Amino acid sequence: MHYQGVIRDGDFGRWTQAEQQVVRCDGCGLVRLSDNPNSPDYYQSEEYRQAYNGSAVHQDYIRMHDGEQPPRLEHVGIGHFRDKQVLDFGAGGGAFLDHIKGVAKQTYAIEPFIGYHQALSARGHQVFSDAHIAKGQVAEQIDTLVSFGVIEHVDDPLQFLCDAYDLLRPGGKMFLETDNLNDVLLQLGIPAFEPFFYRTAHLWYFDQASLVRLAQKAGFADIKVSFRHNFDLSNALMWARDGKPTGNAKLPLLDERINSAWQDFVIGAGLADLICVQMVKG
């Protein structure tokens, strides 16, 4: 048993009524919820967006997620998108694709929630409801495939990576980002953070070793792991004091010097909140 207790069932303050079990495979190191609490059409309906974003309206998605995209783009590098066929696997409302549309040759979105499709299409992104449909039209045509915060949601993460592999042209690259099971706040043992970190929407939890092993099994090569951290030191201290998320810059005493050192430490130690993987289709 990796963890047992209540977990998050939406945004902060929404918890499961019953305790949930998070288990680890001793063989491969994968960590997952013992049982999938979600209905088969969870991501096709408005239920997920309402639970975690408080809205299924496209404009609200853009407002909430636009600010997340520049650091992602900086981390990957604009050169991987310029004049490329780019697909976002699990695109949501398309905030990332909007940021690179001006440089990409063509942009594609795989997004199960049909409520976002009209807005995605109107902004010039070709939209597919699932990987099966996408493979029927653009298999082995994608130069760059991105997926941010998606693999932890899917029923079968290996099949997810295999589908991505099939969509890429030979030599094409995938850039994947997911929550890091070695997040510094978990490693510090802050009691309130565990039920916040584990949530009903996330079926899988990855560290560097388990994610690399899975990518290799899907056929990817030249796999490179890096880390990205979104939070300053004050966020960690406030978690330890108050047991709840507060965001950044809540303790003015902690200036840029100490926050920069904190960021360097957690990233260098592999304790950042996000693990990022770059991989190539051979």
Protein backbone atom coordinates (compact mmCIF):
# COMPACT_ATOMS: atom_id res chain seq x y z
CA MET A 1 0.00 0.00 0.00
CA HIS A 2 1.41 3.36 -1.06
CA TYR A 3 -1.29 5.57 0.49
CA GLN A 4 -4.71 5.08 2.02
CA GLY A 5 -7.10 7.85 2.99
CA VAL A 6 -9.42 10.46 1.57
CA ILE A 7 -8.24 12.17 -1.61
CA ARG A 8 -9.22 15.22 -3.60
CA ASP A 9 -12.40 14.97 -5.65
CA GLY A 10 -12.24 18.27 -7.49
CA ASP A 11 -10.68 21.57 -6.48
CA PHE A 12 -9.33 22.19 -2.97
CA GLY A 13 -11.86 21.41 -0.26
CA ARG A 14 -13.69 18.68 -2.16
CA TRP A 15 -12.73 15.27 -0.76
CA THR A 16 -13.93 11.74 -1.27
CA GLN A 17 -16.39 10.52 1.34
CA ALA A 18 -14.68 7.13 1.60
CA GLU A 19 -10.98 6.35 1.92
CA GLN A 20 -9.18 5.47 -1.31
CA GLN A 21 -6.18 3.22 -1.86
CA VAL A 22 -3.12 4.19 -3.89
CA VAL A 23 -0.97 1.16 -4.71
CA ARG A 24 2.51 0.62 -6.15
CA CYS A 25 3.67 -2.16 -8.44
CA ASP A 26 6.81 -3.70 -6.93
CA GLY A 27 7.93 -4.83 -10.37
CA CYS A 28 7.70 -1.69 -12.52
CA GLY A 29 7.29 1.02 -9.89
CA LEU A 30 4.04 2.38 -11.32
CA VAL A 31 1.70 3.93 -8.76
CA ARG A 32 -2.05 4.15 -9.32
CA LEU A 33 -5.44 4.40 -7.69
CA SER A 34 -6.57 0.93 -6.75
CA ASP A 35 -9.97 1.49 -8.36
CA ASN A 36 -11.10 3.92 -11.05
CA PRO A 37 -13.82 6.04 -9.42
CA ASN A 38 -14.86 7.73 -12.67
CA SER A 39 -17.58 6.82 -15.14
CA PRO A 40 -16.53 5.73 -18.67
CA ASP A 41 -17.64 9.06 -20.16
CA TYR A 42 -16.14 11.23 -17.41
CA TYR A 43 -13.92 13.30 -19.71
CA GLN A 44 -16.47 13.44 -22.52
CA SER A 45 -18.99 15.13 -20.23
CA GLU A 46 -18.84 18.44 -18.38
CA GLU A 47 -18.33 16.66 -15.04
CA TYR A 48 -14.54 16.88 -14.93
CA ARG A 49 -14.35 20.55 -15.96
CA GLN A 50 -17.01 21.49 -13.45
CA ALA A 51 -15.27 19.62 -10.62
CA TYR A 52 -11.75 20.96 -11.18
CA ASN A 53 -12.29 24.28 -12.98
CA GLY A 54 -15.74 25.23 -11.73
CA SER A 55 -16.85 25.76 -15.33
CA ALA A 56 -17.08 23.97 -18.66
CA VAL A 57 -17.20 27.25 -20.60
CA HIS A 58 -14.36 27.59 -23.09
CA GLN A 59 -13.58 31.22 -22.26
CA ASP A 60 -13.17 30.28 -18.59
CA TYR A 61 -10.70 27.54 -19.55
CA ILE A 62 -8.58 30.01 -21.51
CA ARG A 63 -8.69 32.55 -18.68
CA MET A 64 -7.57 29.93 -16.15
CA HIS A 65 -4.84 28.27 -18.22
CA ASP A 66 -3.30 30.93 -20.46
CA GLY A 67 -0.74 31.84 -17.81
CA GLU A 68 0.57 28.25 -17.63
CA GLN A 69 1.68 28.20 -21.25
CA PRO A 70 4.68 30.58 -21.52
CA PRO A 71 6.81 28.57 -19.03
CA ARG A 72 5.96 25.37 -20.90
CA LEU A 73 6.87 26.92 -24.22
CA GLU A 74 10.11 28.29 -22.81
CA HIS A 75 11.00 24.88 -21.36
CA VAL A 76 10.42 23.00 -24.63
CA GLY A 77 11.78 25.69 -26.95
CA ILE A 78 10.04 27.43 -29.83
CA GLY A 79 12.27 25.72 -32.41
CA HIS A 80 10.42 22.44 -31.92
CA PHE A 81 7.22 24.05 -33.24
CA ARG A 82 8.35 26.38 -36.01
CA ASP A 83 7.05 25.17 -39.39
CA LYS A 84 6.04 21.84 -37.80
CA GLN A 85 2.93 19.71 -37.79
CA VAL A 86 2.06 19.93 -34.07
CA LEU A 87 -0.47 17.88 -32.13
CA ASP A 88 -1.58 18.44 -28.54
CA PHE A 89 -2.79 15.12 -27.08
CA GLY A 90 -5.39 16.14 -24.50
CA ALA A 91 -5.54 19.76 -25.60
CA GLY A 92 -8.34 20.96 -23.35
CA GLY A 93 -9.49 24.34 -24.61
CA GLY A 94 -6.34 24.78 -26.72
CA ALA A 95 -4.42 27.35 -24.68
CA PHE A 96 -1.03 25.89 -25.60
CA LEU A 97 -1.88 25.47 -29.29
CA ASP A 98 -2.99 29.11 -29.41
CA HIS A 99 0.49 30.12 -28.25
CA ILE A 100 2.31 28.30 -31.04
CA LYS A 101 -0.18 28.57 -33.89
CA GLY A 102 1.60 31.57 -35.35
CA VAL A 103 4.81 29.59 -35.88
CA ALA A 104 3.53 26.03 -36.48
CA LYS A 105 2.72 24.80 -39.97
CA GLN A 106 -0.49 23.12 -38.77
CA THR A 107 -1.96 22.48 -35.33
CA TYR A 108 -4.04 19.51 -34.24
CA ALA A 109 -5.90 18.75 -31.03
CA ILE A 110 -7.09 15.50 -29.49
CA GLU A 111 -9.73 16.47 -26.95
CA PRO A 112 -12.48 14.19 -25.62
CA PHE A 113 -14.71 17.02 -24.33
CA ILE A 114 -16.82 18.00 -27.33
CA GLY A 115 -17.81 21.23 -25.61
CA TYR A 116 -14.46 22.72 -26.62
CA HIS A 117 -14.44 21.50 -30.23
CA GLN A 118 -16.23 24.42 -31.85
CA ALA A 119 -13.91 26.98 -30.26
CA LEU A 120 -10.83 24.93 -31.15
CA SER A 121 -11.90 24.63 -34.78
CA ALA A 122 -12.79 28.31 -34.99
CA ARG A 123 -9.22 29.18 -34.02
CA GLY A 124 -7.78 27.01 -36.77
CA HIS A 125 -6.92 23.81 -34.91
CA GLN A 126 -8.00 20.52 -36.48
CA VAL A 127 -9.79 18.58 -33.76
CA PHE A 128 -10.18 14.86 -33.06
CA SER A 129 -12.23 13.30 -30.27
CA ASP A 130 -9.78 10.47 -29.65
CA ALA A 131 -6.51 8.92 -30.79
CA HIS A 132 -8.22 6.29 -32.92
CA ILE A 133 -9.86 8.94 -35.09
CA ALA A 134 -6.64 10.97 -35.23
CA LYS A 135 -4.61 7.94 -36.36
CA GLY A 136 -7.10 7.38 -39.14
CA GLN A 137 -6.22 10.79 -40.61
CA VAL A 138 -2.72 11.86 -39.52
CA ALA A 139 -0.83 8.70 -38.50
CA GLU A 140 2.95 9.15 -38.92
CA GLN A 141 2.47 12.77 -40.01
CA ILE A 142 3.11 14.67 -36.76
CA ASP A 143 6.49 16.34 -36.26
CA THR A 144 5.99 17.42 -32.65
CA LEU A 145 3.49 15.99 -30.18
CA VAL A 146 2.90 17.55 -26.78
CA SER A 147 0.86 16.34 -23.84
CA PHE A 148 0.67 18.31 -20.62
CA GLY A 149 -1.06 16.86 -17.57
CA VAL A 150 -2.87 14.09 -19.44
CA ILE A 151 -1.15 10.71 -19.04
CA GLU A 152 -2.10 10.57 -15.36
CA HIS A 153 -5.79 10.64 -16.34
CA VAL A 154 -5.95 7.83 -18.90
CA ASP A 155 -7.05 4.25 -18.32
CA ASP A 156 -3.97 2.76 -20.01
CA PRO A 157 -0.82 4.94 -20.04
CA LEU A 158 1.13 2.47 -22.17
CA GLN A 159 -1.55 2.52 -24.87
CA PHE A 160 -1.57 6.30 -24.62
CA LEU A 161 2.15 6.41 -25.42
CA CYS A 162 1.78 3.82 -28.17
CA ASP A 163 -0.93 5.97 -29.78
CA ALA A 164 1.37 8.98 -29.59
CA TYR A 165 4.16 6.92 -31.16
CA ASP A 166 1.88 5.93 -34.05
CA LEU A 167 0.94 9.54 -34.72
CA LEU A 168 4.53 10.74 -34.96
CA ARG A 169 6.56 10.57 -38.14
CA PRO A 170 9.90 8.72 -37.87
CA GLY A 171 12.22 11.06 -36.00
CA GLY A 172 9.29 13.01 -34.57
CA LYS A 173 9.44 14.15 -30.95
CA MET A 174 7.04 13.92 -28.04
CA PHE A 175 7.17 16.31 -25.09
CA LEU A 176 5.27 15.04 -22.05
CA GLU A 177 4.65 16.69 -18.70
CA THR A 178 2.99 15.20 -15.62
CA ASP A 179 2.93 15.59 -11.85
CA ASN A 180 6.06 14.33 -10.13
CA LEU A 181 5.59 11.58 -7.55
CA ASN A 182 8.76 12.90 -5.89
CA ASP A 183 7.28 16.37 -5.38
CA VAL A 184 9.21 18.12 -2.61
CA LEU A 185 6.05 18.62 -0.54
CA LEU A 186 5.46 14.87 -0.50
CA GLN A 187 9.08 14.25 0.42
CA LEU A 188 8.82 16.74 3.28
CA GLY A 189 5.96 14.67 4.69
CA ILE A 190 3.46 17.52 5.02
CA PRO A 191 0.35 15.60 6.15
CA ALA A 192 -2.25 17.77 4.40
CA PHE A 193 -0.47 17.59 1.06
CA GLU A 194 -0.97 13.85 0.45
CA PRO A 195 -4.79 13.95 0.21
CA PHE A 196 -4.44 17.05 -1.98
CA PHE A 197 -1.87 15.47 -4.31
CA TYR A 198 -3.79 12.24 -4.85
CA ARG A 199 -7.11 12.83 -6.57
CA THR A 200 -9.95 10.97 -8.23
CA ALA A 201 -9.12 12.43 -11.65
CA HIS A 202 -5.56 11.04 -11.58
CA LEU A 203 -5.42 7.29 -11.98
CA TRP A 204 -1.60 7.11 -12.31
CA TYR A 205 1.40 8.71 -10.57
CA PHE A 206 4.90 8.70 -12.03
CA ASP A 207 8.49 9.19 -11.00
CA GLN A 208 11.44 9.41 -13.36
CA ALA A 209 12.17 5.69 -13.42
CA SER A 210 8.60 4.49 -14.02
CA LEU A 211 7.96 7.06 -16.73
CA VAL A 212 11.17 6.29 -18.62
CA ARG A 213 10.48 2.56 -18.39
CA LEU A 214 7.00 3.08 -19.83
CA ALA A 215 8.30 5.25 -22.68
CA GLN A 216 10.88 2.63 -23.58
CA LYS A 217 8.19 -0.06 -23.60
CA ALA A 218 6.17 2.06 -26.07
CA GLY A 219 9.18 2.10 -28.42
CA PHE A 220 10.57 5.59 -27.82
CA ALA A 221 14.30 6.29 -27.91
CA ASP A 222 16.65 9.11 -26.89
CA ILE A 223 14.55 9.71 -23.76
CA LYS A 224 15.55 12.80 -21.78
CA VAL A 225 14.09 13.75 -18.40
CA SER A 226 13.97 17.25 -16.94
CA PHE A 227 11.94 18.99 -14.25
CA ARG A 228 9.93 22.16 -13.93
CA HIS A 229 8.73 23.83 -10.74
CA ASN A 230 5.87 26.32 -10.53
CA PHE A 231 6.05 27.37 -6.89
CA ASP A 232 8.26 29.48 -4.69
CA LEU A 233 9.54 28.79 -1.19
CA SER A 234 6.67 30.68 0.44
CA ASN A 235 4.21 28.16 -1.02
CA ALA A 236 6.06 25.30 0.69
CA LEU A 237 6.25 27.15 4.01
CA MET A 238 2.57 28.06 3.88
CA TRP A 239 1.68 24.43 3.16
CA ALA A 240 3.69 23.39 6.20
CA ARG A 241 2.05 26.05 8.39
CA ASP A 242 -1.56 26.10 7.14
CA GLY A 243 -2.00 22.81 5.29
CA LYS A 244 -3.51 24.34 2.17
CA PRO A 245 -2.43 25.80 -1.18
CA THR A 246 -1.80 29.53 -1.22
CA GLY A 247 0.13 30.17 -4.44
CA ASN A 248 3.28 32.22 -4.73
CA ALA A 249 4.69 35.39 -3.16
CA LYS A 250 2.73 35.16 0.09
CA LEU A 251 5.76 35.88 2.30
CA PRO A 252 7.38 39.16 1.12
CA LEU A 253 10.42 38.52 3.31
CA LEU A 254 11.47 35.80 0.85
CA ASP A 255 12.89 37.72 -2.06
CA GLU A 256 14.01 36.57 -5.50
CA ARG A 257 17.42 35.43 -4.28
CA ILE A 258 16.07 32.75 -1.95
CA ASN A 259 13.24 31.77 -4.30
CA SER A 260 15.70 31.33 -7.15
CA ALA A 261 17.89 29.14 -4.93
CA TRP A 262 14.80 27.13 -3.91
CA GLN A 263 13.83 26.59 -7.56
CA ASP A 264 17.38 25.51 -8.43
CA PHE A 265 17.43 23.09 -5.51
CA VAL A 266 14.13 21.32 -6.18
CA ILE A 267 14.77 21.09 -9.92
CA GLY A 268 18.33 19.87 -9.48
CA ALA A 269 17.28 17.28 -6.90
CA GLY A 270 14.39 15.99 -9.04
CA LEU A 271 11.86 17.22 -6.45
CA ALA A 272 10.00 19.72 -8.64
CA ASP A 273 6.24 19.51 -9.00
CA LEU A 274 6.45 18.53 -12.67
CA ILE A 275 8.45 15.86 -14.46
CA CYS A 276 9.07 16.49 -18.16
CA VAL A 277 10.13 13.93 -20.75
CA GLN A 278 11.40 14.47 -24.27
CA MET A 279 11.46 11.37 -26.48
CA VAL A 280 11.97 10.46 -30.11
CA LYS A 281 10.27 8.02 -32.44
CA GLY A 282 13.00 5.89 -33.98
